[in-house]
Amino acid sequence: MARASEEISERSMAGLVDLIERHTRKDGLHPTAIRPLSLFRCSTLTRPTPSVFGSALCMLARGRKRVVMGDQTFFYDPAHFLLASVDMPIVGQIIESSPHAPFLGLRISLDISLINELIVEGGLTATKKLSTVRSMCVSAIDPPLLDAVERLLDLLDSPEDILVLAPLVLREITYRLLVGEQGELLRQIAAGDSQARRIARSIQWLKCHFAEPVRIERLANEAHMSPSAFHHHFKVVTGMSPLQYQKQLRLHEARRLIFGEGLDAAAAGYRVGYESPSHFSREYRRLFGRPPGRDLVLFRDGSKELADLDDEPGLESLGGEG
């Protein structure tokens, strides 16, 4: 697999580099006419940046990135893709990039309904019925997947073909993931009564009710698990406890309210469920590296250190595409 990945990186990435460079003339996140597809370019290394990551396939044409999810760290590069099956708070960092060879990446949001459809049509049932898998993984890219992704990007040069052909190519990409070595991850999340699927439903509930007090017993009951089993499977899928997950969602939303809606720190903390401003400030600093006021000053100053150079969406944009 390592030899095949190396051949893919050397032989085929030139085309992907050209496609992404032509559609990203400046640094930043670039949405495209193909709604689930976004492109990204960055000419510098970045600091660790917390964000919320939805169900997606991520690939790089150039550069290298580190992603921390809970208690696990993932690295990916042009020879490997990152796959995530549920919405997760993560910390991302670009660790290989330069002005002469900028980091180039893409993100394709996954459609759970399409995954379910392909599972039924292809008879692709989950095989690990008694185990739960982690919701994020890194795997080597194989030629059929890379070919399909390149054909998707090729459509950006013929916008008149996108409406008809993009859904077909997205369907193929999803199928390639399902029959690949990490297909079990997607099959378990999509399977109606699997433990992973029940945890995924709990995650959706937490995402919608993150500002409310959470009782593990209630979540466990809705997932039809004992509290101890629920806690165990939740941590396997996400790398963190339900309360840690909720706390990170709260802090990400508070940051959006401060930066995007102009709320002060106390009001933002209260809005997301914190009763104590000092407690909120401590938790905020622990996650983002600085207190809310200082964070906002750097944001307004346009500090490169704070520039949001990751390709993951914020909490407010999750759930619409994947």
Protein backbone atom coordinates (compact mmCIF):
# COMPACT_ATOMS: atom_id res chain seq x y z
CA MET A 1 0.00 0.00 0.00
CA ALA A 2 2.85 2.39 0.83
CA ARG A 3 4.42 1.79 -2.61
CA ALA A 4 1.09 2.36 -4.39
CA SER A 5 0.47 5.56 -2.41
CA GLU A 6 3.93 6.84 -3.30
CA GLU A 7 3.27 6.16 -7.00
CA ILE A 8 -0.05 8.02 -6.79
CA SER A 9 1.60 10.99 -5.11
CA GLU A 10 4.34 11.29 -7.72
CA ARG A 11 2.41 10.38 -10.84
CA SER A 12 -1.11 11.74 -10.43
CA MET A 13 -1.13 14.67 -8.04
CA ALA A 14 0.14 17.10 -10.67
CA GLY A 15 -3.31 17.15 -12.23
CA LEU A 16 -5.01 17.78 -8.89
CA VAL A 17 -2.50 20.53 -8.08
CA ASP A 18 -3.27 22.26 -11.38
CA LEU A 19 -7.03 21.99 -10.89
CA ILE A 20 -7.00 23.41 -7.36
CA GLU A 21 -4.50 26.17 -8.19
CA ARG A 22 -6.62 27.38 -11.12
CA HIS A 23 -9.68 27.71 -8.90
CA THR A 24 -7.94 29.19 -5.81
CA ARG A 25 -5.99 32.27 -6.82
CA LYS A 26 -5.62 33.48 -3.24
CA ASP A 27 -5.35 31.93 0.21
CA GLY A 28 -8.51 30.85 1.97
CA LEU A 29 -11.55 28.65 1.66
CA HIS A 30 -13.21 28.63 -1.77
CA PRO A 31 -16.76 27.28 -2.15
CA THR A 32 -17.50 25.95 -5.63
CA ALA A 33 -20.46 25.57 -7.97
CA ILE A 34 -20.58 21.94 -6.84
CA ARG A 35 -22.21 22.49 -3.46
CA PRO A 36 -20.60 19.64 -1.45
CA LEU A 37 -17.14 20.54 -2.80
CA SER A 38 -14.91 23.27 -1.40
CA LEU A 39 -11.27 24.01 -2.16
CA PHE A 40 -8.58 25.44 0.06
CA ARG A 41 -5.25 27.18 -0.39
CA CYS A 42 -2.77 28.41 2.23
CA SER A 43 0.76 29.75 1.68
CA THR A 44 1.93 29.55 5.29
CA LEU A 45 2.05 27.19 8.21
CA THR A 46 -0.74 27.72 10.73
CA ARG A 47 -1.14 27.50 14.46
CA PRO A 48 -3.41 24.77 15.90
CA THR A 49 -6.94 25.99 15.13
CA PRO A 50 -10.03 24.57 16.87
CA SER A 51 -13.10 24.13 14.69
CA VAL A 52 -16.08 21.85 14.15
CA PHE A 53 -15.77 19.30 11.39
CA GLY A 54 -18.72 17.69 9.61
CA SER A 55 -19.05 14.39 7.73
CA ALA A 56 -16.57 14.71 4.89
CA LEU A 57 -13.79 13.38 2.71
CA CYS A 58 -10.67 15.56 2.73
CA MET A 59 -7.75 15.22 0.31
CA LEU A 60 -4.58 17.23 -0.27
CA ALA A 61 -2.83 17.92 -3.54
CA ARG A 62 0.11 19.51 -1.73
CA GLY A 63 1.23 19.98 1.87
CA ARG A 64 0.57 18.14 5.10
CA LYS A 65 -1.91 18.57 7.93
CA ARG A 66 -2.36 17.41 11.51
CA VAL A 67 -5.83 16.94 13.02
CA VAL A 68 -6.47 16.21 16.69
CA MET A 69 -9.81 14.66 17.59
CA GLY A 70 -10.29 13.97 21.27
CA ASP A 71 -7.46 11.68 22.36
CA GLN A 72 -6.22 10.81 18.87
CA THR A 73 -4.00 12.59 16.33
CA PHE A 74 -4.21 12.11 12.56
CA PHE A 75 -1.77 13.19 9.84
CA TYR A 76 -2.58 13.28 6.14
CA ASP A 77 -0.86 14.32 2.92
CA PRO A 78 -1.24 13.90 -0.86
CA ALA A 79 -0.95 10.11 -0.54
CA HIS A 80 -3.63 9.80 2.15
CA PHE A 81 -7.20 11.03 2.67
CA LEU A 82 -8.99 11.97 5.87
CA LEU A 83 -12.51 10.62 6.33
CA ALA A 84 -14.97 11.76 9.01
CA SER A 85 -18.42 10.27 9.53
CA VAL A 86 -19.99 12.51 12.21
CA ASP A 87 -19.78 16.16 13.31
CA MET A 88 -16.73 16.54 15.53
CA PRO A 89 -14.87 19.33 17.35
CA ILE A 90 -11.28 19.05 16.18
CA VAL A 91 -8.01 21.01 16.21
CA GLY A 92 -6.40 21.34 12.78
CA GLN A 93 -2.93 22.57 11.84
CA ILE A 94 -1.17 22.92 8.49
CA ILE A 95 2.36 21.64 9.09
CA GLU A 96 3.78 21.73 5.55
CA SER A 97 3.32 24.75 3.28
CA SER A 98 5.24 27.68 1.81
CA PRO A 99 4.64 30.66 -0.52
CA HIS A 100 6.38 28.77 -3.34
CA ALA A 101 4.52 25.51 -2.70
CA PRO A 102 1.24 26.42 -0.98
CA PHE A 103 -0.93 23.92 0.83
CA LEU A 104 -3.75 22.83 -1.51
CA GLY A 105 -6.71 20.79 -0.36
CA LEU A 106 -10.31 19.87 -1.01
CA ARG A 107 -13.29 18.84 1.08
CA ILE A 108 -16.33 16.89 -0.09
CA SER A 109 -19.28 16.83 2.31
CA LEU A 110 -20.85 13.40 2.63
CA ASP A 111 -24.55 12.71 2.18
CA ILE A 112 -25.85 10.11 4.62
CA SER A 113 -28.96 9.49 2.52
CA LEU A 114 -26.75 8.68 -0.48
CA ILE A 115 -24.64 6.38 1.70
CA ASN A 116 -27.78 4.53 2.78
CA GLU A 117 -28.98 4.28 -0.82
CA LEU A 118 -25.68 2.77 -2.01
CA ILE A 119 -25.56 0.35 0.93
CA VAL A 120 -28.95 -1.01 -0.06
CA GLU A 121 -28.20 -1.15 -3.79
CA GLY A 122 -24.79 -2.76 -3.29
CA GLY A 123 -25.73 -5.06 -0.41
CA LEU A 124 -22.98 -3.42 1.66
CA THR A 125 -24.01 -4.34 5.19
CA ALA A 126 -21.84 -3.60 8.23
CA THR A 127 -19.63 -6.55 9.14
CA LYS A 128 -18.39 -5.67 12.64
CA LYS A 129 -21.75 -6.01 14.33
CA LEU A 130 -20.41 -6.17 17.89
CA SER A 131 -17.81 -3.39 17.68
CA THR A 132 -17.94 0.36 17.28
CA VAL A 133 -15.42 2.22 15.13
CA ARG A 134 -13.83 5.63 15.53
CA SER A 135 -15.58 8.35 13.51
CA MET A 136 -12.41 9.64 11.85
CA CYS A 137 -9.63 7.84 10.01
CA VAL A 138 -6.77 8.31 7.56
CA SER A 139 -6.22 5.87 4.67
CA ALA A 140 -4.05 5.59 1.58
CA ILE A 141 -5.64 6.92 -1.60
CA ASP A 142 -6.21 4.35 -4.33
CA PRO A 143 -6.28 5.18 -8.07
CA PRO A 144 -10.07 4.73 -8.62
CA LEU A 145 -10.89 7.21 -5.82
CA LEU A 146 -8.32 9.72 -7.03
CA ASP A 147 -9.61 9.42 -10.60
CA ALA A 148 -13.20 10.10 -9.51
CA VAL A 149 -12.16 13.13 -7.44
CA GLU A 150 -10.20 14.58 -10.35
CA ARG A 151 -13.20 14.13 -12.65
CA LEU A 152 -15.34 16.00 -10.12
CA LEU A 153 -12.92 18.94 -10.14
CA ASP A 154 -12.75 18.81 -13.94
CA LEU A 155 -16.44 19.73 -13.98
CA LEU A 156 -15.59 23.15 -12.53
CA ASP A 157 -14.24 24.00 -16.01
CA SER A 158 -17.55 23.07 -17.65
CA PRO A 159 -20.27 24.56 -15.43
CA GLU A 160 -22.98 23.61 -17.93
CA ASP A 161 -22.31 19.93 -17.10
CA ILE A 162 -22.38 20.23 -13.30
CA LEU A 163 -26.11 19.83 -12.76
CA VAL A 164 -26.24 16.50 -14.58
CA LEU A 165 -22.79 15.00 -14.06
CA ALA A 166 -21.72 16.13 -10.57
CA PRO A 167 -24.32 13.95 -8.77
CA LEU A 168 -23.08 10.93 -10.73
CA VAL A 169 -19.44 11.53 -9.82
CA LEU A 170 -20.31 12.24 -6.18
CA ARG A 171 -22.19 8.96 -6.17
CA GLU A 172 -19.10 7.15 -7.47
CA ILE A 173 -16.84 8.80 -4.88
CA THR A 174 -19.19 7.74 -2.08
CA TYR A 175 -19.29 4.20 -3.46
CA ARG A 176 -15.47 4.05 -3.62
CA LEU A 177 -15.33 5.02 0.05
CA LEU A 178 -17.93 2.42 0.99
CA VAL A 179 -16.07 -0.44 -0.69
CA GLY A 180 -12.64 0.77 0.46
CA GLU A 181 -10.76 -0.26 3.58
CA GLN A 182 -12.58 2.37 5.70
CA GLY A 183 -16.04 1.59 4.34
CA GLU A 184 -16.98 0.00 7.67
CA LEU A 185 -16.84 3.44 9.27
CA LEU A 186 -19.52 4.77 6.92
CA ARG A 187 -21.60 1.59 6.94
CA GLN A 188 -21.83 1.56 10.74
CA ILE A 189 -22.84 5.20 10.96
CA ALA A 190 -25.53 4.64 8.33
CA ALA A 191 -26.81 1.30 9.68
CA GLY A 192 -30.21 1.88 11.25
CA ASP A 193 -29.73 0.23 14.66
CA SER A 194 -25.96 -0.08 14.98
CA GLN A 195 -24.28 1.24 18.11
CA ALA A 196 -22.38 3.77 16.01
CA ARG A 197 -25.61 5.00 14.42
CA ARG A 198 -27.22 5.43 17.83
CA ILE A 199 -24.21 7.44 18.96
CA ALA A 200 -24.47 9.54 15.79
CA ARG A 201 -28.10 10.34 16.64
CA SER A 202 -26.99 11.37 20.15
CA ILE A 203 -24.39 13.65 18.59
CA GLN A 204 -27.08 15.30 16.47
CA TRP A 205 -29.17 15.85 19.59
CA LEU A 206 -26.22 17.42 21.42
CA LYS A 207 -25.52 19.65 18.45
CA CYS A 208 -29.08 20.99 18.57
CA HIS A 209 -29.28 21.27 22.39
CA PHE A 210 -25.70 22.10 23.39
CA ALA A 211 -26.81 25.05 25.55
CA GLU A 212 -29.06 22.85 27.70
CA PRO A 213 -27.98 20.83 30.76
CA VAL A 214 -27.24 17.27 29.70
CA ARG A 215 -27.98 14.14 31.69
CA ILE A 216 -26.08 11.10 30.50
CA GLU A 217 -28.94 8.89 31.65
CA ARG A 218 -31.31 10.64 29.23
CA LEU A 219 -28.94 10.31 26.29
CA ALA A 220 -28.25 6.68 27.13
CA ASN A 221 -31.95 5.92 27.37
CA GLU A 222 -32.65 7.48 23.97
CA ALA A 223 -29.77 5.44 22.52
CA HIS A 224 -31.21 2.29 24.17
CA MET A 225 -27.98 1.69 26.09
CA SER A 226 -26.98 1.60 29.70
CA PRO A 227 -25.18 4.79 30.87
CA SER A 228 -21.85 2.93 31.10
CA ALA A 229 -22.23 1.38 27.63
CA PHE A 230 -23.30 4.72 26.15
CA HIS A 231 -20.30 6.51 27.67
CA HIS A 232 -17.95 3.82 26.34
CA HIS A 233 -19.30 3.79 22.79
CA PHE A 234 -19.53 7.60 22.64
CA LYS A 235 -15.84 7.84 23.53
CA VAL A 236 -14.89 5.18 20.98
CA VAL A 237 -16.67 7.10 18.21
CA THR A 238 -15.61 10.64 19.19
CA GLY A 239 -12.48 10.29 21.33
CA MET A 240 -14.10 12.28 24.13
CA SER A 241 -16.87 12.05 26.69
CA PRO A 242 -20.37 13.43 25.98
CA LEU A 243 -19.77 16.32 28.38
CA GLN A 244 -16.43 17.17 26.76
CA TYR A 245 -18.13 17.11 23.37
CA GLN A 246 -20.90 19.43 24.58
CA LYS A 247 -18.39 21.84 26.11
CA GLN A 248 -16.46 22.17 22.86
CA LEU A 249 -19.65 22.80 20.89
CA ARG A 250 -20.60 25.52 23.38
CA LEU A 251 -17.26 27.25 23.10
CA HIS A 252 -17.20 27.16 19.30
CA GLU A 253 -20.67 28.69 19.16
CA ALA A 254 -19.69 31.34 21.71
CA ARG A 255 -16.71 32.29 19.59
CA ARG A 256 -18.97 32.65 16.54
CA LEU A 257 -21.34 34.88 18.53
CA ILE A 258 -18.46 37.09 19.68
CA PHE A 259 -16.79 37.41 16.27
CA GLY A 260 -19.84 37.26 14.00
CA GLU A 261 -22.66 38.86 15.98
CA GLY A 262 -20.77 41.28 18.20
CA LEU A 263 -21.83 39.83 21.57
CA ASP A 264 -19.58 40.50 24.51
CA ALA A 265 -17.99 37.54 26.27
CA ALA A 266 -20.46 37.44 29.15
CA ALA A 267 -23.49 37.52 26.85
CA ALA A 268 -22.02 34.88 24.54
CA GLY A 269 -21.15 32.62 27.46
CA TYR A 270 -24.65 32.95 28.88
CA ARG A 271 -26.22 32.27 25.47
CA VAL A 272 -24.41 28.93 25.15
CA GLY A 273 -25.15 27.77 28.68
CA TYR A 274 -22.49 29.21 31.00
CA GLU A 275 -23.79 30.88 34.17
CA SER A 276 -20.40 32.16 35.35
CA PRO A 277 -18.46 34.61 33.12
CA SER A 278 -15.20 33.69 34.84
CA HIS A 279 -15.83 29.99 34.26
CA PHE A 280 -16.62 30.68 30.62
CA SER A 281 -13.45 32.76 30.19
CA ARG A 282 -11.29 30.00 31.70
CA GLU A 283 -12.79 27.34 29.47
CA TYR A 284 -12.53 29.58 26.41
CA ARG A 285 -8.86 30.28 27.06
CA ARG A 286 -8.14 26.60 27.60
CA LEU A 287 -9.56 25.72 24.16
CA PHE A 288 -8.57 28.72 22.05
CA GLY A 289 -5.33 29.70 23.76
CA ARG A 290 -6.35 33.20 24.88
CA PRO A 291 -9.27 34.88 26.72
CA PRO A 292 -12.22 36.12 24.64
CA GLY A 293 -11.26 39.80 24.72
CA ARG A 294 -7.73 39.22 23.50
CA ASP A 295 -8.98 36.77 20.89
CA LEU A 296 -11.37 39.39 19.50
CA VAL A 297 -8.68 42.10 19.39
CA LEU A 298 -6.40 39.87 17.34
CA PHE A 299 -9.28 38.93 15.07
CA ARG A 300 -10.15 42.58 14.42
CA ASP A 301 -6.50 43.42 13.80
CA GLY A 302 -6.40 40.79 11.09
CA SER A 303 -3.62 38.91 12.83
CA LYS A 304 -2.16 36.12 10.69
CA GLU A 305 -1.83 34.11 13.87
CA LEU A 306 -5.60 34.10 14.23
CA ALA A 307 -6.54 33.86 10.57
CA ASP A 308 -9.01 31.06 10.06
CA LEU A 309 -7.02 29.01 7.59
CA ASP A 310 -8.63 25.64 8.13
CA ASP A 311 -11.16 24.08 5.76
CA GLU A 312 -13.70 22.96 8.36
CA PRO A 313 -17.02 24.77 8.75
CA GLY A 314 -18.23 26.43 11.91
CA LEU A 315 -21.00 25.04 14.07
CA GLU A 316 -23.65 27.16 12.38
CA SER A 317 -22.99 25.55 8.99
CA LEU A 318 -23.10 21.92 10.05
CA GLY A 319 -25.85 19.55 9.12
CA GLY A 320 -26.89 21.06 5.80
CA GLU A 321 -24.68 19.07 3.46
CA GLY A 322 -23.60 15.92 5.19
